Amino acid sequence: MTNEEIIAKINGFLVEEFETDAAKIIPDANLKDTLELDSLDYIDLVVVIESNFSFKVKPEDFVGIATFQDFYNYVIDRVNSKELV
């Protein structure tokens, strides 16, 4: 799966799951503020990531994620490292 395909898949489920405008999802935008995430929403986000990309997410994985680009990089890194195994 290419980086572009991963990003498209992420954007697709973010729009659907969090009912947000796709135009608001830009790499430099703040993930939490744009999606209006609360602690329960983060749980939903983890479930969606795990079901779409088949890897486990740990709560501490979100510590360094502020923007959509951070989030994309995290998922891309995890997907690529999983494919190498």
PDB file of N, CA and C in Angstrom:
ATOM      1  N   MET A   1       0.850  -1.176   0.000  1.00  0.00           N
ATOM      2  CA  MET A   1       0.000   0.000   0.000  1.00  0.00           C
ATOM      3  C   MET A   1       0.902   1.248   0.000  1.00  0.00           C
ATOM      4  N   THR A   2       0.632   2.173  -0.915  1.00  0.00           N
ATOM      5  CA  THR A   2       1.464   3.374  -1.000  1.00  0.00           C
ATOM      6  C   THR A   2       1.061   4.379   0.084  1.00  0.00           C
ATOM      7  N   ASN A   3       1.933   5.353   0.323  1.00  0.00           N
ATOM      8  CA  ASN A   3       1.624   6.393   1.302  1.00  0.00           C
ATOM      9  C   ASN A   3       0.359   7.143   0.918  1.00  0.00           C
ATOM     10  N   GLU A   4       0.192   7.413  -0.363  1.00  0.00           N
ATOM     11  CA  GLU A   4      -0.999   8.124  -0.831  1.00  0.00           C
ATOM     12  C   GLU A   4      -2.270   7.314  -0.580  1.00  0.00           C
ATOM     13  N   GLU A   5      -2.189   6.007  -0.784  1.00  0.00           N
ATOM     14  CA  GLU A   5      -3.347   5.138  -0.521  1.00  0.00           C
ATOM     15  C   GLU A   5      -3.672   5.105   0.964  1.00  0.00           C
ATOM     16  N   ILE A   6      -2.645   5.071   1.788  1.00  0.00           N
ATOM     17  CA  ILE A   6      -2.854   5.065   3.244  1.00  0.00           C
ATOM     18  C   ILE A   6      -3.524   6.369   3.674  1.00  0.00           C
ATOM     19  N   ILE A   7      -3.022   7.497   3.185  1.00  0.00           N
ATOM     20  CA  ILE A   7      -3.593   8.801   3.539  1.00  0.00           C
ATOM     21  C   ILE A   7      -5.038   8.905   3.058  1.00  0.00           C
ATOM     22  N   ALA A   8      -5.323   8.443   1.857  1.00  0.00           N
ATOM     23  CA  ALA A   8      -6.696   8.469   1.330  1.00  0.00           C
ATOM     24  C   ALA A   8      -7.623   7.623   2.199  1.00  0.00           C
ATOM     25  N   LYS A   9      -7.142   6.466   2.622  1.00  0.00           N
ATOM     26  CA  LYS A   9      -7.945   5.585   3.471  1.00  0.00           C
ATOM     27  C   LYS A   9      -8.198   6.248   4.823  1.00  0.00           C
ATOM     28  N   ILE A  10      -7.162   6.857   5.403  1.00  0.00           N
ATOM     29  CA  ILE A  10      -7.308   7.557   6.681  1.00  0.00           C
ATOM     30  C   ILE A  10      -8.338   8.676   6.546  1.00  0.00           C
ATOM     31  N   ASN A  11      -8.176   9.518   5.524  1.00  0.00           N
ATOM     32  CA  ASN A  11      -9.107  10.633   5.339  1.00  0.00           C
ATOM     33  C   ASN A  11     -10.536  10.138   5.152  1.00  0.00           C
ATOM     34  N   GLY A  12     -10.692   9.044   4.430  1.00  0.00           N
ATOM     35  CA  GLY A  12     -12.022   8.481   4.218  1.00  0.00           C
ATOM     36  C   GLY A  12     -12.695   8.075   5.514  1.00  0.00           C
ATOM     37  N   PHE A  13     -11.976   7.367   6.373  1.00  0.00           N
ATOM     38  CA  PHE A  13     -12.637   6.957   7.616  1.00  0.00           C
ATOM     39  C   PHE A  13     -12.761   8.101   8.611  1.00  0.00           C
ATOM     40  N   LEU A  14     -11.897   9.105   8.544  1.00  0.00           N
ATOM     41  CA  LEU A  14     -12.049  10.261   9.434  1.00  0.00           C
ATOM     42  C   LEU A  14     -13.309  11.046   9.081  1.00  0.00           C
ATOM     43  N   VAL A  15     -13.538  11.251   7.785  1.00  0.00           N
ATOM     44  CA  VAL A  15     -14.738  11.966   7.345  1.00  0.00           C
ATOM     45  C   VAL A  15     -15.986  11.197   7.751  1.00  0.00           C
ATOM     46  N   GLU A  16     -15.960   9.891   7.531  1.00  0.00           N
ATOM     47  CA  GLU A  16     -17.131   9.065   7.837  1.00  0.00           C
ATOM     48  C   GLU A  16     -17.354   8.919   9.338  1.00  0.00           C
ATOM     49  N   GLU A  17     -16.318   8.548  10.068  1.00  0.00           N
ATOM     50  CA  GLU A  17     -16.445   8.243  11.501  1.00  0.00           C
ATOM     51  C   GLU A  17     -16.680   9.491  12.349  1.00  0.00           C
ATOM     52  N   PHE A  18     -16.038  10.586  12.001  1.00  0.00           N
ATOM     53  CA  PHE A  18     -16.117  11.789  12.832  1.00  0.00           C
ATOM     54  C   PHE A  18     -16.946  12.901  12.198  1.00  0.00           C
ATOM     55  N   GLU A  19     -17.621  12.563  11.092  1.00  0.00           N
ATOM     56  CA  GLU A  19     -18.560  13.466  10.423  1.00  0.00           C
ATOM     57  C   GLU A  19     -17.978  14.867  10.279  1.00  0.00           C
ATOM     58  N   THR A  20     -16.795  14.924   9.698  1.00  0.00           N
ATOM     59  CA  THR A  20     -16.141  16.202   9.479  1.00  0.00           C
ATOM     60  C   THR A  20     -16.035  16.494   7.991  1.00  0.00           C
ATOM     61  N   ASP A  21     -15.872  17.741   7.673  1.00  0.00           N
ATOM     62  CA  ASP A  21     -15.725  18.181   6.294  1.00  0.00           C
ATOM     63  C   ASP A  21     -14.334  17.792   5.798  1.00  0.00           C
ATOM     64  N   ALA A  22     -14.264  17.105   4.687  1.00  0.00           N
ATOM     65  CA  ALA A  22     -12.986  16.658   4.132  1.00  0.00           C
ATOM     66  C   ALA A  22     -12.040  17.830   3.869  1.00  0.00           C
ATOM     67  N   ALA A  23     -12.578  19.001   3.574  1.00  0.00           N
ATOM     68  CA  ALA A  23     -11.748  20.172   3.295  1.00  0.00           C
ATOM     69  C   ALA A  23     -10.976  20.638   4.529  1.00  0.00           C
ATOM     70  N   LYS A  24     -11.436  20.271   5.712  1.00  0.00           N
ATOM     71  CA  LYS A  24     -10.760  20.657   6.955  1.00  0.00           C
ATOM     72  C   LYS A  24      -9.568  19.762   7.266  1.00  0.00           C
ATOM     73  N   ILE A  25      -9.503  18.620   6.604  1.00  0.00           N
ATOM     74  CA  ILE A  25      -8.424  17.665   6.873  1.00  0.00           C
ATOM     75  C   ILE A  25      -7.236  18.011   5.984  1.00  0.00           C
ATOM     76  N   ILE A  26      -6.350  18.816   6.539  1.00  0.00           N
ATOM     77  CA  ILE A  26      -5.128  19.210   5.843  1.00  0.00           C
ATOM     78  C   ILE A  26      -3.933  18.861   6.724  1.00  0.00           C
ATOM     79  N   PRO A  27      -2.790  18.558   6.129  1.00  0.00           N
ATOM     80  CA  PRO A  27      -1.645  18.047   6.892  1.00  0.00           C
ATOM     81  C   PRO A  27      -1.240  18.875   8.111  1.00  0.00           C
ATOM     82  N   ASP A  28      -1.275  20.209   8.020  1.00  0.00           N
ATOM     83  CA  ASP A  28      -0.818  21.034   9.128  1.00  0.00           C
ATOM     84  C   ASP A  28      -1.893  21.337  10.176  1.00  0.00           C
ATOM     85  N   ALA A  29      -3.125  20.924   9.915  1.00  0.00           N
ATOM     86  CA  ALA A  29      -4.213  21.199  10.860  1.00  0.00           C
ATOM     87  C   ALA A  29      -4.058  20.338  12.116  1.00  0.00           C
ATOM     88  N   ASN A  30      -4.534  20.872  13.225  1.00  0.00           N
ATOM     89  CA  ASN A  30      -4.485  20.142  14.486  1.00  0.00           C
ATOM     90  C   ASN A  30      -5.549  19.044  14.480  1.00  0.00           C
ATOM     91  N   LEU A  31      -5.118  17.814  14.706  1.00  0.00           N
ATOM     92  CA  LEU A  31      -6.007  16.647  14.657  1.00  0.00           C
ATOM     93  C   LEU A  31      -7.126  16.760  15.690  1.00  0.00           C
ATOM     94  N   LYS A  32      -6.752  17.006  16.935  1.00  0.00           N
ATOM     95  CA  LYS A  32      -7.728  17.047  18.030  1.00  0.00           C
ATOM     96  C   LYS A  32      -8.751  18.158  17.835  1.00  0.00           C
ATOM     97  N   ASP A  33      -8.276  19.354  17.495  1.00  0.00           N
ATOM     98  CA  ASP A  33      -9.182  20.495  17.338  1.00  0.00           C
ATOM     99  C   ASP A  33     -10.080  20.351  16.115  1.00  0.00           C
ATOM    100  N   THR A  34      -9.513  19.922  15.008  1.00  0.00           N
ATOM    101  CA  THR A  34     -10.285  19.797  13.772  1.00  0.00           C
ATOM    102  C   THR A  34     -11.399  18.762  13.907  1.00  0.00           C
ATOM    103  N   LEU A  35     -11.068  17.632  14.518  1.00  0.00           N
ATOM    104  CA  LEU A  35     -12.068  16.564  14.670  1.00  0.00           C
ATOM    105  C   LEU A  35     -12.877  16.692  15.952  1.00  0.00           C
ATOM    106  N   GLU A  36     -12.521  17.697  16.781  1.00  0.00           N
ATOM    107  CA  GLU A  36     -13.186  17.909  18.077  1.00  0.00           C
ATOM    108  C   GLU A  36     -13.180  16.630  18.909  1.00  0.00           C
ATOM    109  N   LEU A  37     -11.991  16.065  19.063  1.00  0.00           N
ATOM    110  CA  LEU A  37     -11.844  14.788  19.767  1.00  0.00           C
ATOM    111  C   LEU A  37     -11.858  14.969  21.276  1.00  0.00           C
ATOM    112  N   ASP A  38     -12.609  14.090  21.947  1.00  0.00           N
ATOM    113  CA  ASP A  38     -12.506  13.976  23.396  1.00  0.00           C
ATOM    114  C   ASP A  38     -11.926  12.596  23.692  1.00  0.00           C
ATOM    115  N   SER A  39     -11.822  12.247  24.955  1.00  0.00           N
ATOM    116  CA  SER A  39     -11.155  10.983  25.300  1.00  0.00           C
ATOM    117  C   SER A  39     -11.873   9.767  24.710  1.00  0.00           C
ATOM    118  N   LEU A  40     -13.190   9.797  24.643  1.00  0.00           N
ATOM    119  CA  LEU A  40     -13.925   8.669  24.050  1.00  0.00           C
ATOM    120  C   LEU A  40     -13.708   8.600  22.539  1.00  0.00           C
ATOM    121  N   ASP A  41     -13.572   9.756  21.915  1.00  0.00           N
ATOM    122  CA  ASP A  41     -13.314   9.780  20.477  1.00  0.00           C
ATOM    123  C   ASP A  41     -11.962   9.148  20.147  1.00  0.00           C
ATOM    124  N   TYR A  42     -10.982   9.348  21.041  1.00  0.00           N
ATOM    125  CA  TYR A  42      -9.676   8.722  20.816  1.00  0.00           C
ATOM    126  C   TYR A  42      -9.799   7.202  20.825  1.00  0.00           C
ATOM    127  N   ILE A  43     -10.663   6.681  21.665  1.00  0.00           N
ATOM    128  CA  ILE A  43     -10.900   5.229  21.694  1.00  0.00           C
ATOM    129  C   ILE A  43     -11.496   4.787  20.360  1.00  0.00           C
ATOM    130  N   ASP A  44     -12.475   5.544  19.870  1.00  0.00           N
ATOM    131  CA  ASP A  44     -13.067   5.240  18.557  1.00  0.00           C
ATOM    132  C   ASP A  44     -12.012   5.293  17.459  1.00  0.00           C
ATOM    133  N   LEU A  45     -11.129   6.292  17.537  1.00  0.00           N
ATOM    134  CA  LEU A  45     -10.075   6.439  16.541  1.00  0.00           C
ATOM    135  C   LEU A  45      -9.140   5.231  16.565  1.00  0.00           C
ATOM    136  N   VAL A  46      -8.787   4.777  17.753  1.00  0.00           N
ATOM    137  CA  VAL A  46      -7.924   3.597  17.887  1.00  0.00           C
ATOM    138  C   VAL A  46      -8.589   2.371  17.273  1.00  0.00           C
ATOM    139  N   VAL A  47      -9.862   2.174  17.564  1.00  0.00           N
ATOM    140  CA  VAL A  47     -10.594   1.028  17.027  1.00  0.00           C
ATOM    141  C   VAL A  47     -10.624   1.072  15.498  1.00  0.00           C
ATOM    142  N   VAL A  48     -10.860   2.254  14.946  1.00  0.00           N
ATOM    143  CA  VAL A  48     -10.913   2.400  13.490  1.00  0.00           C
ATOM    144  C   VAL A  48      -9.542   2.128  12.869  1.00  0.00           C
ATOM    145  N   ILE A  49      -8.488   2.639  13.491  1.00  0.00           N
ATOM    146  CA  ILE A  49      -7.127   2.386  12.982  1.00  0.00           C
ATOM    147  C   ILE A  49      -6.836   0.891  13.004  1.00  0.00           C
ATOM    148  N   GLU A  50      -7.097   0.271  14.147  1.00  0.00           N
ATOM    149  CA  GLU A  50      -6.789  -1.157  14.289  1.00  0.00           C
ATOM    150  C   GLU A  50      -7.580  -2.005  13.302  1.00  0.00           C
ATOM    151  N   SER A  51      -8.826  -1.668  13.073  1.00  0.00           N
ATOM    152  CA  SER A  51      -9.633  -2.475  12.152  1.00  0.00           C
ATOM    153  C   SER A  51      -9.271  -2.230  10.684  1.00  0.00           C
ATOM    154  N   ASN A  52      -8.849  -1.012  10.358  1.00  0.00           N
ATOM    155  CA  ASN A  52      -8.507  -0.699   8.971  1.00  0.00           C
ATOM    156  C   ASN A  52      -7.091  -1.097   8.580  1.00  0.00           C
ATOM    157  N   PHE A  53      -6.180  -1.096   9.562  1.00  0.00           N
ATOM    158  CA  PHE A  53      -4.777  -1.332   9.229  1.00  0.00           C
ATOM    159  C   PHE A  53      -4.176  -2.549   9.936  1.00  0.00           C
ATOM    160  N   SER A  54      -4.954  -3.232  10.748  1.00  0.00           N
ATOM    161  CA  SER A  54      -4.546  -4.501  11.380  1.00  0.00           C
ATOM    162  C   SER A  54      -3.258  -4.411  12.194  1.00  0.00           C
ATOM    163  N   PHE A  55      -3.140  -3.368  13.006  1.00  0.00           N
ATOM    164  CA  PHE A  55      -2.067  -3.324  13.993  1.00  0.00           C
ATOM    165  C   PHE A  55      -2.615  -2.729  15.282  1.00  0.00           C
ATOM    166  N   LYS A  56      -1.985  -3.060  16.392  1.00  0.00           N
ATOM    167  CA  LYS A  56      -2.415  -2.581  17.699  1.00  0.00           C
ATOM    168  C   LYS A  56      -1.844  -1.195  17.977  1.00  0.00           C
ATOM    169  N   VAL A  57      -2.664  -0.356  18.567  1.00  0.00           N
ATOM    170  CA  VAL A  57      -2.269   0.998  18.932  1.00  0.00           C
ATOM    171  C   VAL A  57      -2.204   1.083  20.449  1.00  0.00           C
ATOM    172  N   LYS A  58      -1.104   1.656  20.954  1.00  0.00           N
ATOM    173  CA  LYS A  58      -0.966   1.878  22.391  1.00  0.00           C
ATOM    174  C   LYS A  58      -1.275   3.343  22.678  1.00  0.00           C
ATOM    175  N   PRO A  59      -1.889   3.623  23.833  1.00  0.00           N
ATOM    176  CA  PRO A  59      -2.227   5.012  24.155  1.00  0.00           C
ATOM    177  C   PRO A  59      -1.031   5.964  24.062  1.00  0.00           C
ATOM    178  N   GLU A  60       0.137   5.496  24.464  1.00  0.00           N
ATOM    179  CA  GLU A  60       1.320   6.356  24.430  1.00  0.00           C
ATOM    180  C   GLU A  60       1.748   6.700  23.000  1.00  0.00           C
ATOM    181  N   ASP A  61       1.243   5.967  22.009  1.00  0.00           N
ATOM    182  CA  ASP A  61       1.563   6.263  20.618  1.00  0.00           C
ATOM    183  C   ASP A  61       1.047   7.645  20.205  1.00  0.00           C
ATOM    184  N   PHE A  62       0.013   8.127  20.890  1.00  0.00           N
ATOM    185  CA  PHE A  62      -0.593   9.402  20.526  1.00  0.00           C
ATOM    186  C   PHE A  62       0.102  10.605  21.149  1.00  0.00           C
ATOM    187  N   VAL A  63       1.068  10.380  22.016  1.00  0.00           N
ATOM    188  CA  VAL A  63       1.737  11.480  22.710  1.00  0.00           C
ATOM    189  C   VAL A  63       2.336  12.499  21.747  1.00  0.00           C
ATOM    190  N   GLY A  64       2.990  12.049  20.694  1.00  0.00           N
ATOM    191  CA  GLY A  64       3.644  12.971  19.772  1.00  0.00           C
ATOM    192  C   GLY A  64       2.801  13.387  18.579  1.00  0.00           C
ATOM    193  N   ILE A  65       1.537  13.015  18.568  1.00  0.00           N
ATOM    194  CA  ILE A  65       0.686  13.310  17.410  1.00  0.00           C
ATOM    195  C   ILE A  65      -0.140  14.565  17.677  1.00  0.00           C
ATOM    196  N   ALA A  66       0.137  15.609  16.900  1.00  0.00           N
ATOM    197  CA  ALA A  66      -0.618  16.858  17.036  1.00  0.00           C
ATOM    198  C   ALA A  66      -1.375  17.183  15.745  1.00  0.00           C
ATOM    199  N   THR A  67      -0.714  17.003  14.610  1.00  0.00           N
ATOM    200  CA  THR A  67      -1.321  17.374  13.323  1.00  0.00           C
ATOM    201  C   THR A  67      -1.740  16.125  12.541  1.00  0.00           C
ATOM    202  N   PHE A  68      -2.474  16.360  11.482  1.00  0.00           N
ATOM    203  CA  PHE A  68      -2.835  15.244  10.605  1.00  0.00           C
ATOM    204  C   PHE A  68      -1.581  14.613  10.009  1.00  0.00           C
ATOM    205  N   GLN A  69      -0.574  15.444   9.679  1.00  0.00           N
ATOM    206  CA  GLN A  69       0.667  14.895   9.120  1.00  0.00           C
ATOM    207  C   GLN A  69       1.356  13.976  10.122  1.00  0.00           C
ATOM    208  N   ASP A  70       1.354  14.351  11.402  1.00  0.00           N
ATOM    209  CA  ASP A  70       1.910  13.473  12.442  1.00  0.00           C
ATOM    210  C   ASP A  70       1.171  12.139  12.453  1.00  0.00           C
ATOM    211  N   PHE A  71      -0.147  12.232  12.334  1.00  0.00           N
ATOM    212  CA  PHE A  71      -0.988  11.037  12.348  1.00  0.00           C
ATOM    213  C   PHE A  71      -0.713  10.169  11.120  1.00  0.00           C
ATOM    214  N   TYR A  72      -0.637  10.809   9.957  1.00  0.00           N
ATOM    215  CA  TYR A  72      -0.316  10.065   8.736  1.00  0.00           C
ATOM    216  C   TYR A  72       1.033   9.354   8.882  1.00  0.00           C
ATOM    217  N   ASN A  73       2.026  10.087   9.359  1.00  0.00           N
ATOM    218  CA  ASN A  73       3.369   9.515   9.513  1.00  0.00           C
ATOM    219  C   ASN A  73       3.361   8.320  10.450  1.00  0.00           C
ATOM    220  N   TYR A  74       2.619   8.445  11.548  1.00  0.00           N
ATOM    221  CA  TYR A  74       2.521   7.342  12.509  1.00  0.00           C
ATOM    222  C   TYR A  74       1.945   6.092  11.841  1.00  0.00           C
ATOM    223  N   VAL A  75       0.810   6.255  11.167  1.00  0.00           N
ATOM    224  CA  VAL A  75       0.154   5.104  10.535  1.00  0.00           C
ATOM    225  C   VAL A  75       1.033   4.528   9.430  1.00  0.00           C
ATOM    226  N   ILE A  76       1.607   5.397   8.601  1.00  0.00           N
ATOM    227  CA  ILE A  76       2.478   4.932   7.513  1.00  0.00           C
ATOM    228  C   ILE A  76       3.659   4.145   8.072  1.00  0.00           C
ATOM    229  N   ASP A  77       4.299   4.665   9.111  1.00  0.00           N
ATOM    230  CA  ASP A  77       5.427   3.959   9.738  1.00  0.00           C
ATOM    231  C   ASP A  77       5.011   2.593  10.262  1.00  0.00           C
ATOM    232  N   ARG A  78       3.851   2.560  10.922  1.00  0.00           N
ATOM    233  CA  ARG A  78       3.372   1.287  11.482  1.00  0.00           C
ATOM    234  C   ARG A  78       3.010   0.287  10.380  1.00  0.00           C
ATOM    235  N   VAL A  79       2.343   0.754   9.347  1.00  0.00           N
ATOM    236  CA  VAL A  79       1.968  -0.126   8.237  1.00  0.00           C
ATOM    237  C   VAL A  79       3.228  -0.660   7.561  1.00  0.00           C
ATOM    238  N   ASN A  80       4.185   0.213   7.294  1.00  0.00           N
ATOM    239  CA  ASN A  80       5.424  -0.212   6.625  1.00  0.00           C
ATOM    240  C   ASN A  80       6.238  -1.164   7.492  1.00  0.00           C
ATOM    241  N   SER A  81       6.301  -0.936   8.787  1.00  0.00           N
ATOM    242  CA  SER A  81       7.069  -1.844   9.655  1.00  0.00           C
ATOM    243  C   SER A  81       6.365  -3.187   9.784  1.00  0.00           C
ATOM    244  N   LYS A  82       5.029  -3.173   9.727  1.00  0.00           N
ATOM    245  CA  LYS A  82       4.271  -4.429   9.781  1.00  0.00           C
ATOM    246  C   LYS A  82       4.496  -5.248   8.526  1.00  0.00           C
ATOM    247  N   GLU A  83       4.598  -4.574   7.373  1.00  0.00           N
ATOM    248  CA  GLU A  83       4.786  -5.276   6.104  1.00  0.00           C
ATOM    249  C   GLU A  83       6.180  -5.908   6.016  1.00  0.00           C
ATOM    250  N   LEU A  84       7.126  -5.370   6.766  1.00  0.00           N
ATOM    251  CA  LEU A  84       8.481  -5.915   6.756  1.00  0.00           C
ATOM    252  C   LEU A  84       8.613  -7.178   7.598  1.00  0.00           C
ATOM    253  N   VAL A  85       7.672  -7.372   8.501  1.00  0.00           N
ATOM    254  CA  VAL A  85       7.743  -8.510   9.422  1.00  0.00           C
ATOM    255  C   VAL A  85       7.353  -9.800   8.729  1.00  0.00           C
TER     256      VAL A  85
END
